[in-house]
Amino acid sequence: PAPRDINGMFVGTKVDYSCLFDECAYCNDTGSKVVRNERSVLLNLTSYSWYEIRVRLLTRDGEHAIQNGLVSTTILTEEDAPSEAPQHLSITETYGMRELFVSWFAPPCTAVNGKLQFYSIHYFQEGDSWSDVVTLSPYDTNYTLLNLDLFTKYFIAAQARSEER
């Protein structure tokens, strides 16, 4: 900061942050951090949420708003992978046991950590790898696996994705 903006001897800055809202309206993060150098990183913020960041000067005389400079700004944090899988995965045999109907519920909104982009259904026969994958839109909550081998054990998993990484 310019000397004219400092009232007293400069000792650092104070960064206050508060979450304004997120996609689920479940954001209540607030905090402060004293910075003694020019840079700092705010850690453990809620993914894909809007925050207000306020910066104030710290002098030996106390806290002061920055004049002619940045007082506050609003940011959107980055997306992250969902912290929970789709919920209530259900598998039902159909049409003579050669088809399986798979259904699920979306993960809780607070666990999506961004905009839900797609679902992946992974399935394989006992002894095989995860070689078969079906990708579905974020609006689909069911899928029928077709042309399966009779009398064969299958392993099935559903995955939600909020971003493509």
N, C-alpha and C. Protein backbone atom coordinates (compact mmCIF):
# COMPACT_ATOMS: atom_id res chain seq x y z
N PRO A 1 0.83 -1.20 0.00
CA PRO A 1 0.00 0.00 0.00
C PRO A 1 0.87 1.26 0.00
N ALA A 2 0.32 2.31 -0.56
CA ALA A 2 1.03 3.59 -0.59
C ALA A 2 1.12 4.15 0.83
N PRO A 3 2.21 4.85 1.15
CA PRO A 3 2.37 5.38 2.50
C PRO A 3 1.20 6.25 2.95
N ARG A 4 0.57 6.98 2.03
CA ARG A 4 -0.54 7.85 2.41
C ARG A 4 -1.77 7.05 2.87
N ASP A 5 -1.83 5.74 2.48
CA ASP A 5 -2.96 4.91 2.86
C ASP A 5 -2.76 4.23 4.21
N ILE A 6 -1.61 4.41 4.81
CA ILE A 6 -1.31 3.72 6.07
C ILE A 6 -1.38 4.71 7.22
N ASN A 7 -2.17 4.37 8.22
CA ASN A 7 -2.30 5.17 9.43
C ASN A 7 -1.54 4.43 10.53
N GLY A 8 -0.27 4.72 10.69
CA GLY A 8 0.55 4.00 11.66
C GLY A 8 1.53 3.09 10.95
N MET A 9 2.33 2.34 11.70
CA MET A 9 3.34 1.47 11.12
C MET A 9 2.70 0.18 10.60
N PHE A 10 2.91 -0.11 9.32
CA PHE A 10 2.33 -1.27 8.66
C PHE A 10 2.93 -2.56 9.22
N VAL A 11 2.05 -3.52 9.61
CA VAL A 11 2.52 -4.81 10.11
C VAL A 11 1.95 -5.99 9.33
N GLY A 12 0.99 -5.74 8.44
CA GLY A 12 0.41 -6.83 7.65
C GLY A 12 -0.99 -6.48 7.19
N THR A 13 -1.70 -7.49 6.73
CA THR A 13 -3.09 -7.32 6.32
C THR A 13 -3.95 -8.36 7.01
N LYS A 14 -5.22 -8.06 7.10
CA LYS A 14 -6.18 -9.02 7.64
C LYS A 14 -7.16 -9.35 6.53
N VAL A 15 -7.30 -10.62 6.23
CA VAL A 15 -8.20 -11.08 5.18
C VAL A 15 -9.39 -11.76 5.86
N ASP A 16 -10.57 -11.21 5.64
CA ASP A 16 -11.81 -11.81 6.15
C ASP A 16 -12.53 -12.44 4.97
N TYR A 17 -13.13 -13.60 5.18
CA TYR A 17 -13.89 -14.23 4.11
C TYR A 17 -15.20 -14.77 4.67
N SER A 18 -16.21 -14.75 3.84
CA SER A 18 -17.49 -15.34 4.23
C SER A 18 -18.17 -15.88 2.99
N CYS A 19 -18.73 -17.05 3.14
CA CYS A 19 -19.42 -17.69 2.03
C CYS A 19 -20.79 -17.04 1.87
N LEU A 20 -21.08 -16.60 0.67
CA LEU A 20 -22.35 -15.94 0.41
C LEU A 20 -23.44 -16.95 0.09
N PHE A 21 -23.15 -17.87 -0.82
CA PHE A 21 -24.09 -18.94 -1.15
C PHE A 21 -23.41 -19.94 -2.07
N ASP A 22 -24.01 -21.12 -2.16
CA ASP A 22 -23.56 -22.11 -3.11
C ASP A 22 -24.79 -22.71 -3.78
N GLU A 23 -24.61 -23.71 -4.60
CA GLU A 23 -25.71 -24.30 -5.35
C GLU A 23 -26.79 -24.89 -4.43
N CYS A 24 -26.42 -25.27 -3.21
CA CYS A 24 -27.36 -25.89 -2.30
C CYS A 24 -27.88 -24.92 -1.24
N ALA A 25 -27.40 -23.70 -1.26
CA ALA A 25 -27.74 -22.73 -0.23
C ALA A 25 -27.33 -23.26 1.15
N TYR A 26 -26.21 -23.97 1.19
CA TYR A 26 -25.74 -24.59 2.43
C TYR A 26 -24.33 -24.10 2.77
N CYS A 27 -24.06 -22.87 2.63
CA CYS A 27 -22.70 -22.39 2.81
C CYS A 27 -22.66 -21.48 4.03
N ASN A 28 -21.87 -21.83 5.00
CA ASN A 28 -21.79 -20.99 6.20
C ASN A 28 -20.35 -20.77 6.65
N ASP A 29 -19.40 -20.91 5.73
CA ASP A 29 -17.98 -20.71 6.06
C ASP A 29 -17.70 -19.23 6.29
N THR A 30 -17.05 -18.91 7.37
CA THR A 30 -16.54 -17.55 7.61
C THR A 30 -15.22 -17.70 8.32
N GLY A 31 -14.38 -16.68 8.20
CA GLY A 31 -13.12 -16.74 8.91
C GLY A 31 -12.27 -15.52 8.63
N SER A 32 -11.15 -15.46 9.32
CA SER A 32 -10.18 -14.38 9.17
C SER A 32 -8.79 -14.98 9.16
N LYS A 33 -7.89 -14.26 8.49
CA LYS A 33 -6.50 -14.70 8.43
C LYS A 33 -5.63 -13.46 8.42
N VAL A 34 -4.63 -13.43 9.29
CA VAL A 34 -3.67 -12.33 9.31
C VAL A 34 -2.50 -12.73 8.42
N VAL A 35 -2.12 -11.83 7.51
CA VAL A 35 -1.07 -12.09 6.54
C VAL A 35 0.08 -11.13 6.81
N ARG A 36 1.27 -11.66 7.04
CA ARG A 36 2.44 -10.83 7.34
C ARG A 36 3.29 -10.56 6.10
N ASN A 37 2.98 -11.24 5.00
CA ASN A 37 3.73 -10.99 3.77
C ASN A 37 2.74 -10.61 2.67
N GLU A 38 3.16 -10.62 1.42
CA GLU A 38 2.33 -10.14 0.33
C GLU A 38 1.30 -11.15 -0.15
N ARG A 39 1.51 -12.45 0.10
CA ARG A 39 0.63 -13.48 -0.45
C ARG A 39 0.15 -14.41 0.64
N SER A 40 -1.02 -14.94 0.38
CA SER A 40 -1.57 -15.94 1.28
C SER A 40 -2.59 -16.77 0.52
N VAL A 41 -2.84 -17.97 1.00
CA VAL A 41 -3.80 -18.87 0.39
C VAL A 41 -4.87 -19.20 1.42
N LEU A 42 -6.12 -19.05 1.04
CA LEU A 42 -7.22 -19.46 1.91
C LEU A 42 -7.51 -20.93 1.61
N LEU A 43 -7.44 -21.76 2.63
CA LEU A 43 -7.61 -23.20 2.45
C LEU A 43 -8.97 -23.65 2.96
N ASN A 44 -9.40 -24.82 2.51
CA ASN A 44 -10.60 -25.50 2.98
C ASN A 44 -11.89 -24.72 2.75
N LEU A 45 -11.93 -23.96 1.66
CA LEU A 45 -13.17 -23.29 1.30
C LEU A 45 -14.11 -24.31 0.66
N THR A 46 -15.41 -24.07 0.75
CA THR A 46 -16.39 -24.96 0.16
C THR A 46 -16.30 -24.90 -1.36
N SER A 47 -16.27 -26.06 -2.00
CA SER A 47 -16.16 -26.12 -3.47
C SER A 47 -17.38 -25.49 -4.13
N TYR A 48 -17.13 -24.84 -5.25
CA TYR A 48 -18.16 -24.26 -6.11
C TYR A 48 -19.13 -23.39 -5.31
N SER A 49 -18.57 -22.43 -4.58
CA SER A 49 -19.35 -21.53 -3.75
C SER A 49 -18.87 -20.09 -3.94
N TRP A 50 -19.78 -19.16 -3.74
CA TRP A 50 -19.44 -17.73 -3.84
C TRP A 50 -19.00 -17.22 -2.48
N TYR A 51 -17.85 -16.53 -2.45
CA TYR A 51 -17.30 -15.95 -1.23
C TYR A 51 -17.07 -14.46 -1.41
N GLU A 52 -17.26 -13.73 -0.33
CA GLU A 52 -16.82 -12.33 -0.30
C GLU A 52 -15.51 -12.31 0.46
N ILE A 53 -14.50 -11.67 -0.13
CA ILE A 53 -13.18 -11.54 0.48
C ILE A 53 -12.96 -10.06 0.77
N ARG A 54 -12.62 -9.73 2.02
CA ARG A 54 -12.35 -8.35 2.43
C ARG A 54 -10.93 -8.26 2.97
N VAL A 55 -10.21 -7.22 2.55
CA VAL A 55 -8.82 -7.03 2.97
C VAL A 55 -8.72 -5.71 3.71
N ARG A 56 -8.09 -5.74 4.90
CA ARG A 56 -7.85 -4.53 5.68
C ARG A 56 -6.39 -4.48 6.10
N LEU A 57 -5.86 -3.26 6.22
CA LEU A 57 -4.49 -3.07 6.67
C LEU A 57 -4.40 -3.25 8.17
N LEU A 58 -3.30 -3.82 8.61
CA LEU A 58 -3.01 -3.90 10.04
C LEU A 58 -1.80 -3.02 10.32
N THR A 59 -1.96 -2.12 11.26
CA THR A 59 -0.84 -1.30 11.71
C THR A 59 -0.71 -1.49 13.21
N ARG A 60 0.31 -0.92 13.77
CA ARG A 60 0.44 -1.00 15.23
C ARG A 60 -0.70 -0.28 15.93
N ASP A 61 -1.38 0.62 15.17
CA ASP A 61 -2.51 1.36 15.74
C ASP A 61 -3.84 0.64 15.56
N GLY A 62 -3.86 -0.49 14.84
CA GLY A 62 -5.11 -1.24 14.65
C GLY A 62 -5.39 -1.56 13.20
N GLU A 63 -6.68 -1.87 12.90
CA GLU A 63 -7.10 -2.22 11.54
C GLU A 63 -7.61 -1.00 10.82
N HIS A 64 -7.36 -0.94 9.51
CA HIS A 64 -7.80 0.19 8.71
C HIS A 64 -8.27 -0.30 7.35
N ALA A 65 -9.34 0.28 6.84
CA ALA A 65 -9.78 -0.02 5.48
C ALA A 65 -8.75 0.53 4.51
N ILE A 66 -8.56 -0.15 3.42
CA ILE A 66 -7.61 0.31 2.40
C ILE A 66 -8.30 1.42 1.59
N GLN A 67 -7.67 2.57 1.51
CA GLN A 67 -8.20 3.66 0.71
C GLN A 67 -7.61 3.57 -0.68
N ASN A 68 -8.41 3.91 -1.68
CA ASN A 68 -7.96 3.91 -3.07
C ASN A 68 -7.42 2.54 -3.50
N GLY A 69 -7.96 1.49 -3.01
CA GLY A 69 -7.49 0.16 -3.38
C GLY A 69 -8.58 -0.86 -3.17
N LEU A 70 -8.20 -2.13 -3.23
CA LEU A 70 -9.16 -3.21 -3.09
C LEU A 70 -9.66 -3.29 -1.66
N VAL A 71 -10.95 -3.18 -1.49
CA VAL A 71 -11.56 -3.33 -0.17
C VAL A 71 -12.19 -4.71 -0.08
N SER A 72 -12.94 -5.09 -1.10
CA SER A 72 -13.55 -6.42 -1.10
C SER A 72 -13.79 -6.88 -2.53
N THR A 73 -13.93 -8.17 -2.67
CA THR A 73 -14.23 -8.76 -3.97
C THR A 73 -15.05 -10.02 -3.73
N THR A 74 -15.69 -10.50 -4.78
CA THR A 74 -16.47 -11.72 -4.71
C THR A 74 -15.85 -12.73 -5.67
N ILE A 75 -15.69 -13.97 -5.20
CA ILE A 75 -15.08 -15.01 -6.03
C ILE A 75 -15.96 -16.26 -6.02
N LEU A 76 -15.80 -17.08 -7.05
CA LEU A 76 -16.43 -18.39 -7.12
C LEU A 76 -15.32 -19.43 -7.04
N THR A 77 -15.37 -20.30 -6.05
CA THR A 77 -14.34 -21.33 -5.92
C THR A 77 -14.53 -22.40 -7.00
N GLU A 78 -13.47 -23.16 -7.26
CA GLU A 78 -13.50 -24.17 -8.31
C GLU A 78 -14.35 -25.37 -7.93
N GLU A 79 -14.77 -26.10 -8.97
CA GLU A 79 -15.49 -27.35 -8.75
C GLU A 79 -14.52 -28.41 -8.24
N ASP A 80 -15.08 -29.45 -7.66
CA ASP A 80 -14.30 -30.59 -7.20
C ASP A 80 -15.11 -31.85 -7.50
N ALA A 81 -14.49 -32.99 -7.40
CA ALA A 81 -15.20 -34.25 -7.60
C ALA A 81 -16.22 -34.44 -6.48
N PRO A 82 -17.34 -35.11 -6.77
CA PRO A 82 -18.32 -35.36 -5.71
C PRO A 82 -17.70 -36.13 -4.55
N SER A 83 -18.13 -35.79 -3.36
CA SER A 83 -17.61 -36.46 -2.17
C SER A 83 -18.44 -37.68 -1.79
N GLU A 84 -19.56 -37.91 -2.49
CA GLU A 84 -20.39 -39.09 -2.26
C GLU A 84 -20.85 -39.65 -3.59
N ALA A 85 -21.11 -40.95 -3.59
CA ALA A 85 -21.60 -41.64 -4.79
C ALA A 85 -23.11 -41.43 -4.93
N PRO A 86 -23.68 -41.81 -6.07
CA PRO A 86 -25.14 -41.83 -6.17
C PRO A 86 -25.72 -42.69 -5.05
N GLN A 87 -26.89 -42.32 -4.62
CA GLN A 87 -27.51 -42.95 -3.45
C GLN A 87 -28.52 -44.03 -3.86
N HIS A 88 -28.72 -45.00 -2.98
CA HIS A 88 -29.77 -46.03 -3.11
C HIS A 88 -29.70 -46.76 -4.45
N LEU A 89 -28.52 -47.24 -4.79
CA LEU A 89 -28.34 -48.02 -6.01
C LEU A 89 -29.20 -49.28 -5.92
N SER A 90 -30.02 -49.49 -6.94
CA SER A 90 -30.93 -50.64 -6.96
C SER A 90 -30.74 -51.39 -8.28
N ILE A 91 -30.70 -52.71 -8.21
CA ILE A 91 -30.50 -53.54 -9.40
C ILE A 91 -31.59 -54.61 -9.43
N THR A 92 -32.29 -54.69 -10.56
CA THR A 92 -33.41 -55.62 -10.69
C THR A 92 -33.23 -56.42 -11.97
N GLU A 93 -33.44 -57.75 -11.89
CA GLU A 93 -33.38 -58.59 -13.09
C GLU A 93 -34.63 -58.35 -13.93
N THR A 94 -34.44 -58.34 -15.26
CA THR A 94 -35.57 -58.19 -16.17
C THR A 94 -35.39 -59.15 -17.33
N TYR A 95 -36.41 -59.44 -18.06
CA TYR A 95 -36.44 -60.20 -19.31
C TYR A 95 -35.52 -61.43 -19.28
N GLY A 96 -35.93 -62.39 -18.53
CA GLY A 96 -35.24 -63.67 -18.55
C GLY A 96 -33.80 -63.64 -18.06
N MET A 97 -33.45 -62.75 -17.19
CA MET A 97 -32.14 -62.66 -16.53
C MET A 97 -31.01 -62.24 -17.47
N ARG A 98 -31.27 -61.78 -18.67
CA ARG A 98 -30.22 -61.30 -19.58
C ARG A 98 -30.11 -59.77 -19.53
N GLU A 99 -30.97 -59.16 -18.73
CA GLU A 99 -30.95 -57.70 -18.57
C GLU A 99 -31.02 -57.37 -17.09
N LEU A 100 -30.36 -56.29 -16.73
CA LEU A 100 -30.45 -55.78 -15.36
C LEU A 100 -30.84 -54.31 -15.42
N PHE A 101 -31.87 -53.97 -14.66
CA PHE A 101 -32.33 -52.58 -14.57
C PHE A 101 -31.63 -51.96 -13.36
N VAL A 102 -30.84 -50.90 -13.61
CA VAL A 102 -30.07 -50.23 -12.57
C VAL A 102 -30.68 -48.85 -12.34
N SER A 103 -30.96 -48.51 -11.11
CA SER A 103 -31.49 -47.18 -10.80
C SER A 103 -30.79 -46.62 -9.56
N TRP A 104 -30.88 -45.29 -9.38
CA TRP A 104 -30.20 -44.62 -8.28
C TRP A 104 -30.80 -43.24 -8.08
N PHE A 105 -30.45 -42.62 -6.98
CA PHE A 105 -30.77 -41.22 -6.70
C PHE A 105 -29.48 -40.42 -6.77
N ALA A 106 -29.61 -39.16 -7.14
CA ALA A 106 -28.44 -38.28 -7.20
C ALA A 106 -27.80 -38.18 -5.82
N PRO A 107 -26.50 -37.93 -5.75
CA PRO A 107 -25.88 -37.68 -4.44
C PRO A 107 -26.49 -36.43 -3.83
N PRO A 108 -26.40 -36.28 -2.52
CA PRO A 108 -26.91 -35.05 -1.90
C PRO A 108 -26.27 -33.82 -2.52
N CYS A 109 -27.04 -32.77 -2.64
CA CYS A 109 -26.54 -31.54 -3.26
C CYS A 109 -25.25 -31.06 -2.61
N THR A 110 -25.14 -31.19 -1.31
CA THR A 110 -23.95 -30.72 -0.60
C THR A 110 -22.72 -31.57 -0.92
N ALA A 111 -22.90 -32.73 -1.55
CA ALA A 111 -21.78 -33.61 -1.88
C ALA A 111 -21.37 -33.54 -3.35
N VAL A 112 -22.13 -32.83 -4.19
CA VAL A 112 -21.83 -32.78 -5.62
C VAL A 112 -20.59 -31.92 -5.90
N ASN A 113 -20.41 -30.84 -5.15
CA ASN A 113 -19.22 -29.97 -5.25
C ASN A 113 -19.05 -29.34 -6.63
N GLY A 114 -20.13 -29.01 -7.28
CA GLY A 114 -20.10 -28.38 -8.59
C GLY A 114 -21.40 -28.65 -9.31
N LYS A 115 -21.36 -28.54 -10.63
CA LYS A 115 -22.52 -28.88 -11.44
C LYS A 115 -22.38 -30.33 -11.88
N LEU A 116 -23.39 -31.12 -11.62
CA LEU A 116 -23.36 -32.53 -12.01
C LEU A 116 -23.30 -32.61 -13.53
N GLN A 117 -22.25 -33.25 -14.06
CA GLN A 117 -22.03 -33.32 -15.51
C GLN A 117 -22.54 -34.62 -16.12
N PHE A 118 -22.30 -35.75 -15.43
CA PHE A 118 -22.74 -37.04 -15.97
C PHE A 118 -22.62 -38.13 -14.90
N TYR A 119 -23.23 -39.26 -15.21
CA TYR A 119 -23.09 -40.48 -14.40
C TYR A 119 -22.34 -41.51 -15.23
N SER A 120 -21.58 -42.35 -14.56
CA SER A 120 -20.94 -43.51 -15.19
C SER A 120 -21.42 -44.76 -14.48
N ILE A 121 -21.83 -45.75 -15.26
CA ILE A 121 -22.18 -47.06 -14.71
C ILE A 121 -21.06 -48.00 -15.14
N HIS A 122 -20.39 -48.58 -14.16
CA HIS A 122 -19.29 -49.53 -14.40
C HIS A 122 -19.82 -50.93 -14.10
N TYR A 123 -19.54 -51.88 -14.98
CA TYR A 123 -19.96 -53.25 -14.69
C TYR A 123 -18.98 -54.24 -15.30
N PHE A 124 -18.81 -55.35 -14.62
CA PHE A 124 -17.92 -56.39 -15.13
C PHE A 124 -18.32 -57.73 -14.54
N GLN A 125 -17.91 -58.77 -15.23
CA GLN A 125 -18.16 -60.13 -14.75
C GLN A 125 -17.11 -60.49 -13.72
N GLU A 126 -17.47 -61.38 -12.85
CA GLU A 126 -16.52 -61.84 -11.83
C GLU A 126 -15.25 -62.34 -12.52
N GLY A 127 -14.10 -61.85 -12.06
CA GLY A 127 -12.82 -62.23 -12.63
C GLY A 127 -12.32 -61.29 -13.72
N ASP A 128 -13.15 -60.37 -14.19
CA ASP A 128 -12.74 -59.40 -15.22
C ASP A 128 -12.37 -58.08 -14.57
N SER A 129 -11.97 -57.11 -15.41
CA SER A 129 -11.66 -55.76 -14.92
C SER A 129 -12.86 -54.85 -15.19
N TRP A 130 -12.72 -53.57 -14.85
CA TRP A 130 -13.79 -52.59 -15.07
C TRP A 130 -13.82 -52.18 -16.54
N SER A 131 -13.94 -53.12 -17.44
CA SER A 131 -13.82 -52.81 -18.86
C SER A 131 -15.08 -52.21 -19.47
N ASP A 132 -16.23 -52.42 -18.90
CA ASP A 132 -17.47 -51.93 -19.48
C ASP A 132 -17.97 -50.72 -18.69
N VAL A 133 -18.15 -49.58 -19.42
CA VAL A 133 -18.61 -48.35 -18.79
C VAL A 133 -19.69 -47.73 -19.66
N VAL A 134 -20.75 -47.29 -19.05
CA VAL A 134 -21.81 -46.56 -19.73
C VAL A 134 -21.84 -45.16 -19.14
N THR A 135 -21.84 -44.13 -20.01
CA THR A 135 -21.89 -42.75 -19.55
C THR A 135 -23.28 -42.19 -19.85
N LEU A 136 -23.89 -41.56 -18.85
CA LEU A 136 -25.27 -41.06 -18.97
C LEU A 136 -25.35 -39.59 -18.57
N SER A 137 -26.38 -38.94 -19.03
CA SER A 137 -26.57 -37.52 -18.71
C SER A 137 -26.86 -37.34 -17.23
N PRO A 138 -26.70 -36.13 -16.71
CA PRO A 138 -26.99 -35.90 -15.28
C PRO A 138 -28.48 -35.99 -14.96
N TYR A 139 -29.32 -36.06 -15.99
CA TYR A 139 -30.77 -36.15 -15.77
C TYR A 139 -31.25 -37.59 -15.71
N ASP A 140 -30.40 -38.54 -16.14
CA ASP A 140 -30.77 -39.95 -16.10
C ASP A 140 -30.52 -40.49 -14.70
N THR A 141 -31.46 -41.28 -14.22
CA THR A 141 -31.28 -41.94 -12.92
C THR A 141 -31.58 -43.44 -13.02
N ASN A 142 -31.53 -43.96 -14.25
CA ASN A 142 -31.66 -45.40 -14.42
C ASN A 142 -31.11 -45.80 -15.78
N TYR A 143 -30.81 -47.08 -15.90
CA TYR A 143 -30.27 -47.62 -17.15
C TYR A 143 -30.48 -49.12 -17.14
N THR A 144 -30.73 -49.70 -18.31
CA THR A 144 -30.88 -51.15 -18.42
C THR A 144 -29.66 -51.72 -19.13
N LEU A 145 -28.94 -52.61 -18.45
CA LEU A 145 -27.80 -53.33 -19.04
C LEU A 145 -28.37 -54.48 -19.86
N LEU A 146 -27.99 -54.56 -21.13
CA LEU A 146 -28.58 -55.52 -22.06
C LEU A 146 -27.58 -56.61 -22.46
N ASN A 147 -28.12 -57.72 -22.95
CA ASN A 147 -27.34 -58.83 -23.52
C ASN A 147 -26.28 -59.37 -22.57
N LEU A 148 -26.66 -59.54 -21.34
CA LEU A 148 -25.74 -60.10 -20.34
C LEU A 148 -25.70 -61.62 -20.47
N ASP A 149 -24.62 -62.21 -20.00
CA ASP A 149 -24.49 -63.67 -20.03
C ASP A 149 -25.36 -64.29 -18.95
N LEU A 150 -26.01 -65.39 -19.30
CA LEU A 150 -26.83 -66.09 -18.32
C LEU A 150 -25.96 -66.73 -17.24
N PHE A 151 -26.50 -66.83 -16.05
CA PHE A 151 -25.87 -67.51 -14.91
C PHE A 151 -24.47 -66.96 -14.62
N THR A 152 -24.32 -65.65 -14.73
CA THR A 152 -23.03 -65.00 -14.52
C THR A 152 -23.19 -63.93 -13.46
N LYS A 153 -22.23 -63.87 -12.56
CA LYS A 153 -22.25 -62.85 -11.52
C LYS A 153 -21.62 -61.56 -12.06
N TYR A 154 -22.33 -60.43 -11.91
CA TYR A 154 -21.84 -59.13 -12.35
C TYR A 154 -21.63 -58.22 -11.16
N PHE A 155 -20.62 -57.39 -11.23
CA PHE A 155 -20.39 -56.34 -10.24
C PHE A 155 -20.73 -55.02 -10.91
N ILE A 156 -21.51 -54.19 -10.21
CA ILE A 156 -22.01 -52.94 -10.80
C ILE A 156 -21.78 -51.80 -9.81
N ALA A 157 -21.31 -50.67 -10.34
CA ALA A 157 -21.12 -49.47 -9.51
C ALA A 157 -21.57 -48.25 -10.30
N ALA A 158 -22.07 -47.25 -9.59
CA ALA A 158 -22.47 -45.98 -10.22
C ALA A 158 -21.59 -44.87 -9.68
N GLN A 159 -21.24 -43.94 -10.57
CA GLN A 159 -20.37 -42.82 -10.18
C GLN A 159 -20.99 -41.54 -10.72
N ALA A 160 -21.00 -40.48 -9.88
CA ALA A 160 -21.44 -39.16 -10.31
C ALA A 160 -20.20 -38.31 -10.56
N ARG A 161 -20.26 -37.46 -11.58
CA ARG A 161 -19.13 -36.60 -11.89
C ARG A 161 -19.60 -35.15 -11.98
N SER A 162 -18.90 -34.27 -11.29
CA SER A 162 -19.25 -32.85 -11.35
C SER A 162 -18.36 -32.10 -12.31
N GLU A 163 -17.30 -32.72 -12.77
CA GLU A 163 -16.41 -32.11 -13.74
C GLU A 163 -15.69 -33.21 -14.48
N GLU A 164 -15.16 -32.89 -15.62
CA GLU A 164 -14.41 -33.89 -16.39
C GLU A 164 -12.92 -33.69 -16.16
N ARG A 165 -12.33 -34.54 -15.34
CA ARG A 165 -10.88 -34.51 -15.08
C ARG A 165 -10.29 -35.82 -15.47
